[in-house]
Amino acid sequence: MRVREAVSADWERIWPLWHRVVATGETYMWDPATDEDSARSVWMLPAPAQVFVAEDEGRIVGTALLKPNQPGLGDHVANAGFMVDQDRAGEGIGRTLAHHVLSAARAQRYQAMQFNAVVSTNTGAIALWASLGFKIVGTVPGAFRHPTQGYADIHIMYRGLVA
């Protein structure tokens, strides 16, 4: 498996993965019925954002988006989103993407990384981020409408990137 920066032509292979993850309604705030054009406009962002793909034997098995968390005076803190092919869960793809994105964030001189909405029921992601040094710095009660578990909390997770 290799991780590389995505190019525009990758979207046709990112979209099925993106759609499948978002359509579950379990981990992202986006409407599960988000159409392809809308999805592309929120994922394939221009610089300074970067989109990455994890490829295995020519197949995209994961994708990540790295961008400033806020504009202007908050643009020194990164934000990132990660999606992994659900059929490949547990194979370390998310961890590999995370290491790559953390390195890219440091190279872009971000001072920290913040995840704004890690759904409390997404225990695998919470464990992964904690193992990589992220801390829960805040919780918003009932801020996510989970399709099977009702209103779920979201966590704000944070870690510094400079020593």
Protein backbone atom coordinates (compact mmCIF):
# COMPACT_ATOMS: atom_id res chain seq x y z
CA MET A 1 0.00 0.00 0.00
CA ARG A 2 1.19 3.49 -0.75
CA VAL A 3 -0.10 6.92 0.23
CA ARG A 4 0.18 9.79 -2.20
CA GLU A 5 -1.34 13.17 -2.83
CA ALA A 6 -4.54 12.89 -4.84
CA VAL A 7 -5.00 14.49 -8.24
CA SER A 8 -8.27 15.67 -9.72
CA ALA A 9 -8.61 12.52 -11.83
CA ASP A 10 -8.66 10.40 -8.65
CA TRP A 11 -12.10 11.71 -7.72
CA GLU A 12 -13.91 9.09 -9.81
CA ARG A 13 -12.28 6.44 -7.58
CA ILE A 14 -12.57 8.42 -4.34
CA TRP A 15 -16.29 9.11 -4.79
CA PRO A 16 -17.58 5.51 -4.31
CA LEU A 17 -15.57 5.21 -1.09
CA TRP A 18 -16.64 8.67 0.12
CA HIS A 19 -20.28 7.96 -0.69
CA ARG A 20 -20.28 4.58 1.02
CA VAL A 21 -18.79 6.00 4.24
CA VAL A 22 -21.05 9.05 4.38
CA ALA A 23 -24.19 7.11 3.37
CA THR A 24 -24.01 5.05 6.57
CA GLY A 25 -24.72 8.22 8.55
CA GLU A 26 -22.53 6.94 11.38
CA THR A 27 -19.36 9.04 11.37
CA TYR A 28 -19.69 12.26 9.38
CA MET A 29 -21.99 15.25 9.73
CA TRP A 30 -22.71 15.39 6.00
CA ASP A 31 -26.15 14.37 4.80
CA PRO A 32 -26.06 10.66 3.92
CA ALA A 33 -27.76 11.58 0.63
CA THR A 34 -25.02 14.04 -0.40
CA ASP A 35 -24.73 14.04 -4.20
CA GLU A 36 -21.45 13.61 -6.03
CA ASP A 37 -20.96 17.25 -7.04
CA SER A 38 -21.55 18.45 -3.47
CA ALA A 39 -19.22 15.79 -2.11
CA ARG A 40 -16.47 16.78 -4.51
CA SER A 41 -16.84 20.44 -3.50
CA VAL A 42 -16.29 19.66 0.20
CA TRP A 43 -13.50 17.07 -0.22
CA MET A 44 -11.40 18.07 -3.24
CA LEU A 45 -10.48 21.49 -1.90
CA PRO A 46 -7.87 23.81 -3.42
CA ALA A 47 -4.54 24.62 -1.76
CA PRO A 48 -3.56 25.03 0.96
CA ALA A 49 -5.74 21.94 1.48
CA GLN A 50 -4.29 18.60 0.46
CA VAL A 51 -6.13 15.39 -0.34
CA PHE A 52 -4.38 12.04 -0.04
CA VAL A 53 -5.26 8.55 -1.17
CA ALA A 54 -4.11 5.18 0.08
CA GLU A 55 -3.75 2.79 -2.85
CA ASP A 56 -3.38 -0.96 -2.72
CA GLU A 57 -2.76 -2.73 -6.02
CA GLY A 58 -4.17 0.26 -7.89
CA ARG A 59 -7.35 0.43 -5.82
CA ILE A 60 -8.11 3.41 -3.57
CA VAL A 61 -8.73 1.97 -0.10
CA GLY A 62 -8.61 5.20 1.88
CA THR A 63 -8.57 8.95 1.55
CA ALA A 64 -7.74 11.88 3.79
CA LEU A 65 -8.24 15.63 3.65
CA LEU A 66 -5.82 18.03 5.36
CA LYS A 67 -6.76 21.70 5.63
CA PRO A 68 -6.61 24.69 7.94
CA ASN A 69 -9.13 24.32 10.75
CA GLN A 70 -10.05 28.01 10.52
CA PRO A 71 -9.21 30.87 8.17
CA GLY A 72 -6.99 33.83 8.94
CA LEU A 73 -5.70 33.98 12.49
CA GLY A 74 -6.64 30.33 13.10
CA ASP A 75 -4.96 28.86 10.04
CA HIS A 76 -1.95 27.57 11.99
CA VAL A 77 -4.11 24.71 13.37
CA ALA A 78 -4.84 21.89 10.93
CA ASN A 79 -8.02 19.90 10.53
CA ALA A 80 -8.24 16.54 8.81
CA GLY A 81 -10.81 13.97 7.77
CA PHE A 82 -10.19 10.31 7.05
CA MET A 83 -12.18 7.63 5.23
CA VAL A 84 -11.25 3.98 4.85
CA ASP A 85 -12.88 1.31 2.71
CA GLN A 86 -15.20 -0.45 5.15
CA ASP A 87 -14.23 -3.84 3.71
CA ARG A 88 -10.63 -3.13 4.72
CA ALA A 89 -11.28 -1.92 8.28
CA GLY A 90 -8.76 -3.13 10.83
CA GLU A 91 -5.88 -3.45 8.35
CA GLY A 92 -4.03 -0.33 9.50
CA ILE A 93 -5.04 1.86 6.55
CA GLY A 94 -6.35 4.62 8.81
CA ARG A 95 -3.18 4.58 10.90
CA THR A 96 -0.99 4.69 7.79
CA LEU A 97 -2.99 7.63 6.41
CA ALA A 98 -2.84 9.36 9.80
CA HIS A 99 0.96 9.12 9.98
CA HIS A 100 1.21 10.49 6.45
CA VAL A 101 -1.17 13.37 7.17
CA LEU A 102 0.56 14.27 10.44
CA SER A 103 3.87 14.43 8.56
CA ALA A 104 2.31 16.57 5.84
CA ALA A 105 0.83 18.89 8.47
CA ARG A 106 4.24 19.34 10.08
CA ALA A 107 5.77 20.01 6.66
CA GLN A 108 3.15 22.73 6.12
CA ARG A 109 4.20 24.17 9.50
CA TYR A 110 0.88 23.67 11.23
CA GLN A 111 1.31 24.05 14.99
CA ALA A 112 -1.44 21.61 15.98
CA MET A 113 -4.26 19.47 14.62
CA GLN A 114 -7.87 19.53 15.75
CA PHE A 115 -10.76 17.24 14.89
CA ASN A 116 -14.02 19.13 15.38
CA ALA A 117 -16.56 16.31 15.46
CA VAL A 118 -15.45 12.79 16.37
CA VAL A 119 -18.69 10.94 17.02
CA SER A 120 -18.61 9.29 20.45
CA THR A 121 -19.92 6.00 19.01
CA ASN A 122 -16.93 5.83 16.65
CA THR A 123 -14.81 4.07 19.25
CA GLY A 124 -12.28 2.79 16.72
CA ALA A 125 -11.43 6.31 15.58
CA ILE A 126 -11.28 7.60 19.15
CA ALA A 127 -8.86 4.81 20.08
CA LEU A 128 -6.73 5.46 16.99
CA TRP A 129 -6.50 9.19 17.64
CA ALA A 130 -5.72 8.66 21.32
CA SER A 131 -2.92 6.25 20.38
CA LEU A 132 -1.47 9.00 18.19
CA GLY A 133 -1.45 11.55 20.98
CA PHE A 134 -4.81 13.26 20.50
CA LYS A 135 -6.77 14.27 23.60
CA ILE A 136 -10.47 14.95 23.97
CA VAL A 137 -10.56 18.66 24.81
CA GLY A 138 -14.30 19.11 24.65
CA THR A 139 -17.56 17.26 24.18
CA VAL A 140 -20.79 18.56 22.69
CA PRO A 141 -23.70 16.55 24.10
CA GLY A 142 -26.17 15.09 21.62
CA ALA A 143 -24.77 17.01 18.64
CA PHE A 144 -24.93 14.07 16.19
CA ARG A 145 -28.06 12.28 14.99
CA HIS A 146 -26.87 8.70 14.74
CA PRO A 147 -29.19 6.57 12.57
CA THR A 148 -29.46 3.70 15.06
CA GLN A 149 -28.24 5.06 18.40
CA GLY A 150 -30.10 8.36 18.50
CA TYR A 151 -28.45 11.56 19.63
CA ALA A 152 -24.76 10.97 20.24
CA ASP A 153 -22.07 13.25 21.63
CA ILE A 154 -19.25 14.59 19.50
CA HIS A 155 -15.74 15.05 20.77
CA ILE A 156 -13.27 17.76 19.85
CA MET A 157 -9.85 16.10 19.73
CA TYR A 158 -6.54 17.95 19.64
CA ARG A 159 -2.80 17.42 19.60
CA GLY A 160 0.18 19.69 19.18
CA LEU A 161 2.56 19.13 16.29
CA VAL A 162 5.66 21.00 17.45
CA ALA A 163 7.95 20.09 20.32
